C-alpha atoms as a PDB file:
ATOM      1  CA  MET A   1      -3.011   4.464   9.284  1.00  0.00           C
ATOM      2  CA  THR A   2      -6.897   6.416  10.594  1.00  0.00           C
ATOM      3  CA  ASP A   3      -7.701   5.474  13.852  1.00  0.00           C
ATOM      4  CA  VAL A   4      -8.400   1.823  14.361  1.00  0.00           C
ATOM      5  CA  GLY A   5     -12.228   1.524  13.673  1.00  0.00           C
ATOM      6  CA  ASN A   6     -15.005   0.438  15.866  1.00  0.00           C
ATOM      7  CA  PRO A   7     -15.297  -2.496  16.624  1.00  0.00           C
ATOM      8  CA  PRO A   8     -11.571  -2.682  16.946  1.00  0.00           C
ATOM      9  CA  GLN A   9      -9.212  -4.325  14.460  1.00  0.00           C
ATOM     10  CA  TYR A  10      -6.268  -6.509  15.128  1.00  0.00           C
ATOM     11  CA  PHE A  11      -3.103  -7.372  13.499  1.00  0.00           C
ATOM     12  CA  TRP A  12      -0.202  -9.795  13.437  1.00  0.00           C
ATOM     13  CA  CYS A  13       3.252  -8.142  13.982  1.00  0.00           C
ATOM     14  CA  VAL A  14       6.093 -10.202  12.125  1.00  0.00           C
ATOM     15  CA  LYS A  15       8.497  -8.435  13.801  1.00  0.00           C
ATOM     16  CA  HIS A  16       7.216  -8.814  17.436  1.00  0.00           C
ATOM     17  CA  HIS A  17       5.222 -11.945  16.588  1.00  0.00           C
ATOM     18  CA  ARG A  18       1.928 -10.768  18.884  1.00  0.00           C
ATOM     19  CA  VAL A  19      -1.064  -9.420  18.227  1.00  0.00           C
ATOM     20  CA  GLU A  20      -1.070  -5.928  18.363  1.00  0.00           C
ATOM     21  CA  THR A  21      -3.882  -3.380  18.011  1.00  0.00           C
ATOM     22  CA  GLY A  22      -4.935   0.687  18.762  1.00  0.00           C
ATOM     23  CA  GLN A  23      -2.369   3.647  18.079  1.00  0.00           C
ATOM     24  CA  ASP A  24       0.705   1.748  19.988  1.00  0.00           C
ATOM     25  CA  ARG A  25       0.866  -0.840  17.134  1.00  0.00           C
ATOM     26  CA  CYS A  26       4.401  -1.234  14.770  1.00  0.00           C
ATOM     27  CA  PRO A  27       4.472   0.364  11.254  1.00  0.00           C
ATOM     28  CA  ALA A  28       2.640  -1.257   8.439  1.00  0.00           C
ATOM     29  CA  LYS A  29       5.379  -2.550   6.910  1.00  0.00           C
ATOM     30  CA  ASN A  30       5.387  -5.113   9.938  1.00  0.00           C
ATOM     31  CA  LEU A  31       1.737  -5.745  10.251  1.00  0.00           C
ATOM     32  CA  LEU A  32      -0.531  -8.390   8.818  1.00  0.00           C
ATOM     33  CA  GLY A  33      -4.152  -7.618   8.940  1.00  0.00           C
ATOM     34  CA  PRO A  34      -6.414  -5.938   9.813  1.00  0.00           C
ATOM     35  CA  TYR A  35      -8.792  -8.965  11.168  1.00  0.00           C
ATOM     36  CA  PRO A  36     -11.502  -8.491  13.653  1.00  0.00           C
ATOM     37  CA  THR A  37     -10.727 -10.812  16.682  1.00  0.00           C
ATOM     38  CA  ALA A  38      -7.162 -11.157  18.175  1.00  0.00           C
ATOM     39  CA  ALA A  39      -7.657 -15.025  17.852  1.00  0.00           C
ATOM     40  CA  GLU A  40      -7.426 -14.548  13.744  1.00  0.00           C
ATOM     41  CA  ALA A  41      -4.683 -12.432  14.033  1.00  0.00           C
ATOM     42  CA  GLU A  42      -2.778 -14.804  16.012  1.00  0.00           C
ATOM     43  CA  GLN A  43      -3.580 -17.528  13.027  1.00  0.00           C
ATOM     44  CA  ALA A  44      -2.458 -14.929   9.794  1.00  0.00           C
ATOM     45  CA  LEU A  45       0.893 -16.876   9.480  1.00  0.00           C
ATOM     46  CA  GLN A  46      -0.762 -20.138   9.364  1.00  0.00           C
ATOM     47  CA  ARG A  47      -3.228 -18.594   6.854  1.00  0.00           C
ATOM     48  CA  VAL A  48      -0.590 -17.410   4.884  1.00  0.00           C
ATOM     49  CA  GLN A  49       1.362 -20.564   4.507  1.00  0.00           C
ATOM     50  CA  ASP A  50      -2.068 -22.062   3.616  1.00  0.00           C
ATOM     51  CA  ARG A  51      -2.901 -19.647   0.958  1.00  0.00           C
ATOM     52  CA  ASN A  52       1.083 -20.198  -0.369  1.00  0.00           C
ATOM     53  CA  GLU A  53       0.715 -23.726  -0.369  1.00  0.00           C
ATOM     54  CA  GLN A  54      -2.948 -23.286  -2.439  1.00  0.00           C
ATOM     55  CA  TRP A  55      -1.241 -21.024  -5.073  1.00  0.00           C
ATOM     56  CA  ASP A  56       1.491 -23.303  -5.343  1.00  0.00           C
ATOM     57  CA  GLU A  57      -0.877 -26.273  -6.369  1.00  0.00           C
ATOM     58  CA  ASP A  58      -2.996 -23.811  -8.665  1.00  0.00           C
ATOM     59  CA  ASP A  59       0.283 -22.751 -10.354  1.00  0.00           C
ATOM     60  CA  ALA A  60       1.418 -26.506 -11.105  1.00  0.00           C
ATOM     61  CA  ARG A  61      -1.681 -27.366 -12.256  1.00  0.00           C
ATOM     62  CA  TRP A  62      -1.736 -24.368 -14.670  1.00  0.00           C
ATOM     63  CA  THR A  63       1.527 -24.942 -16.103  1.00  0.00           C
ATOM     64  CA  GLY A  64       1.325 -28.837 -16.092  1.00  0.00           C
ATOM     65  CA  GLN A  65       3.468 -30.128 -13.590  1.00  0.00           C
ATOM     66  CA  PRO A  66       3.200 -32.589 -10.976  1.00  0.00           C
END
């Protein structure tokens, strides 16, 4: 991966359950992001859950399930 951009990018590490940035971050396989702020990175798992729920609802409507 390339250098962290300007402005900095933030990632949520699913291995360590923390925000990481810069060259001292985990491998990409453990990261969600990038996010523009640390606060947004902290909400990464909630965002994943919200999207999964929405997709499940969409799938249920598509297949005609209640």
